[in-house]
Amino acid sequence: MEFIKKNKNILLGAAILILVFTGYGMWSRNSSSNDSSSGLTFTDSPIAVDTVGGQEILNVLNQLRHLSIDSSIFESPAFLSLMDYTVATSSEPLGRPDPFAPLPATSTKTQ
């Protein structure tokens, strides 16, 4: 019992290390296996992913081609009553051409 009291921190550290190594071993074994029970499928070909993404883009483009906009909304009283509240901004002076260039040397004379 005295041995456990003296070396409690060492035993606790050893137990934590054993748990960490066991957990890592189980995790790496599960992540490296490619079984169908996990529901995940791994493919090494980026072509399959690009083809699916490209097909989705083509589908959206086809839908946009057949889209028609009713321009009568721009003639409605609600649209015509909208007011423009933009504020003109003044132009700011430009900085140095190369902000990362060293600063010009300034002479400081001490007398």
Protein backbone atom coordinates (compact mmCIF):
# COMPACT_ATOMS: atom_id res chain seq x y z
CA MET A 1 0.00 0.00 0.00
CA GLU A 2 2.91 2.30 0.73
CA PHE A 3 4.28 1.66 -2.78
CA ILE A 4 1.06 2.90 -4.34
CA LYS A 5 1.04 6.04 -2.18
CA LYS A 6 4.65 6.85 -3.08
CA ASN A 7 4.31 6.24 -6.81
CA LYS A 8 0.73 7.40 -7.37
CA ASN A 9 1.67 10.00 -10.01
CA ILE A 10 3.89 7.56 -11.93
CA LEU A 11 1.20 4.87 -11.93
CA LEU A 12 -1.43 7.39 -13.05
CA GLY A 13 0.81 8.59 -15.88
CA ALA A 14 1.51 5.02 -16.99
CA ALA A 15 -2.21 4.20 -16.99
CA ILE A 16 -2.97 7.30 -19.08
CA LEU A 17 -0.23 6.38 -21.56
CA ILE A 18 -1.58 2.85 -21.90
CA LEU A 19 -5.09 4.21 -22.52
CA VAL A 20 -3.81 6.70 -25.11
CA PHE A 21 -1.84 4.04 -27.03
CA THR A 22 -4.75 1.60 -26.89
CA GLY A 23 -7.19 4.24 -28.10
CA TYR A 24 -4.87 5.29 -30.92
CA GLY A 25 -4.42 1.66 -31.97
CA MET A 26 -8.16 1.09 -32.10
CA TRP A 27 -8.78 4.37 -33.94
CA SER A 28 -6.09 3.79 -36.56
CA ARG A 29 -7.27 0.23 -37.18
CA ASN A 30 -10.88 1.42 -37.66
CA SER A 31 -9.98 4.33 -39.90
CA SER A 32 -7.70 2.30 -42.16
CA SER A 33 -10.24 -0.44 -42.81
CA ASN A 34 -12.60 0.13 -45.73
CA ASP A 35 -15.58 -1.97 -44.80
CA SER A 36 -19.07 -1.42 -46.07
CA SER A 37 -20.62 -1.64 -42.60
CA SER A 38 -19.50 1.90 -41.79
CA GLY A 39 -21.55 3.36 -44.63
CA LEU A 40 -18.55 5.23 -46.00
CA THR A 41 -17.07 4.60 -49.39
CA PHE A 42 -13.65 5.76 -50.41
CA THR A 43 -12.65 6.54 -53.96
CA ASP A 44 -9.21 7.41 -55.19
CA SER A 45 -10.35 8.95 -58.46
CA PRO A 46 -11.04 12.70 -58.40
CA ILE A 47 -12.79 12.29 -61.76
CA ALA A 48 -15.89 10.86 -60.10
CA VAL A 49 -16.18 13.85 -57.78
CA ASP A 50 -15.61 16.35 -60.61
CA THR A 51 -18.15 14.62 -62.82
CA VAL A 52 -20.83 14.77 -60.15
CA GLY A 53 -20.07 18.42 -59.40
CA GLY A 54 -19.96 19.27 -63.09
CA GLN A 55 -23.30 17.57 -63.68
CA GLU A 56 -24.90 19.60 -60.89
CA ILE A 57 -23.58 22.82 -62.42
CA LEU A 58 -24.93 21.85 -65.83
CA ASN A 59 -28.34 21.11 -64.32
CA VAL A 60 -28.46 24.53 -62.65
CA LEU A 61 -27.38 26.24 -65.88
CA ASN A 62 -30.15 24.47 -67.80
CA GLN A 63 -32.68 25.66 -65.24
CA LEU A 64 -31.39 29.23 -65.51
CA ARG A 65 -31.64 29.20 -69.31
CA HIS A 66 -35.37 28.56 -69.12
CA LEU A 67 -35.87 31.26 -66.49
CA SER A 68 -37.94 34.25 -67.52
CA ILE A 69 -38.17 37.48 -65.55
CA ASP A 70 -41.35 39.52 -65.49
CA SER A 71 -40.18 43.09 -66.12
CA SER A 72 -43.50 44.62 -65.06
CA ILE A 73 -42.17 44.76 -61.49
CA PHE A 74 -39.96 47.69 -62.53
CA GLU A 75 -43.04 49.65 -63.56
CA SER A 76 -45.03 49.03 -60.37
CA PRO A 77 -45.75 51.96 -58.02
CA ALA A 78 -43.97 50.20 -55.15
CA PHE A 79 -40.74 49.96 -57.13
CA LEU A 80 -41.03 53.50 -58.44
CA SER A 81 -41.54 54.86 -54.91
CA LEU A 82 -38.17 53.53 -53.75
CA MET A 83 -35.68 56.27 -52.85
CA ASP A 84 -31.92 56.25 -53.34
CA TYR A 85 -30.14 57.08 -50.09
CA THR A 86 -26.54 56.66 -51.25
CA VAL A 87 -23.97 58.94 -49.70
CA ALA A 88 -21.14 60.25 -51.83
CA THR A 89 -17.76 59.45 -50.36
CA SER A 90 -14.79 61.72 -50.64
CA SER A 91 -11.65 60.36 -52.19
CA GLU A 92 -8.86 59.59 -49.77
CA PRO A 93 -5.22 60.39 -50.51
CA LEU A 94 -3.23 57.46 -51.82
CA GLY A 95 -0.47 55.91 -49.78
CA ARG A 96 3.05 55.05 -50.81
CA PRO A 97 3.51 53.13 -54.08
CA ASP A 98 5.29 50.31 -52.22
CA PRO A 99 4.18 50.16 -48.58
CA PHE A 100 6.81 47.53 -47.77
CA ALA A 101 9.76 49.56 -49.03
CA PRO A 102 12.06 51.01 -46.38
CA LEU A 103 11.21 54.49 -45.23
CA PRO A 104 13.33 57.29 -46.65
CA ALA A 105 16.21 58.27 -44.40
CA THR A 106 15.66 61.41 -42.42
CA SER A 107 18.58 63.34 -41.06
CA THR A 108 18.53 64.13 -37.38
CA LYS A 109 21.29 66.42 -36.24
CA THR A 110 22.01 66.87 -32.60
CA GLN A 111 23.90 69.89 -31.50
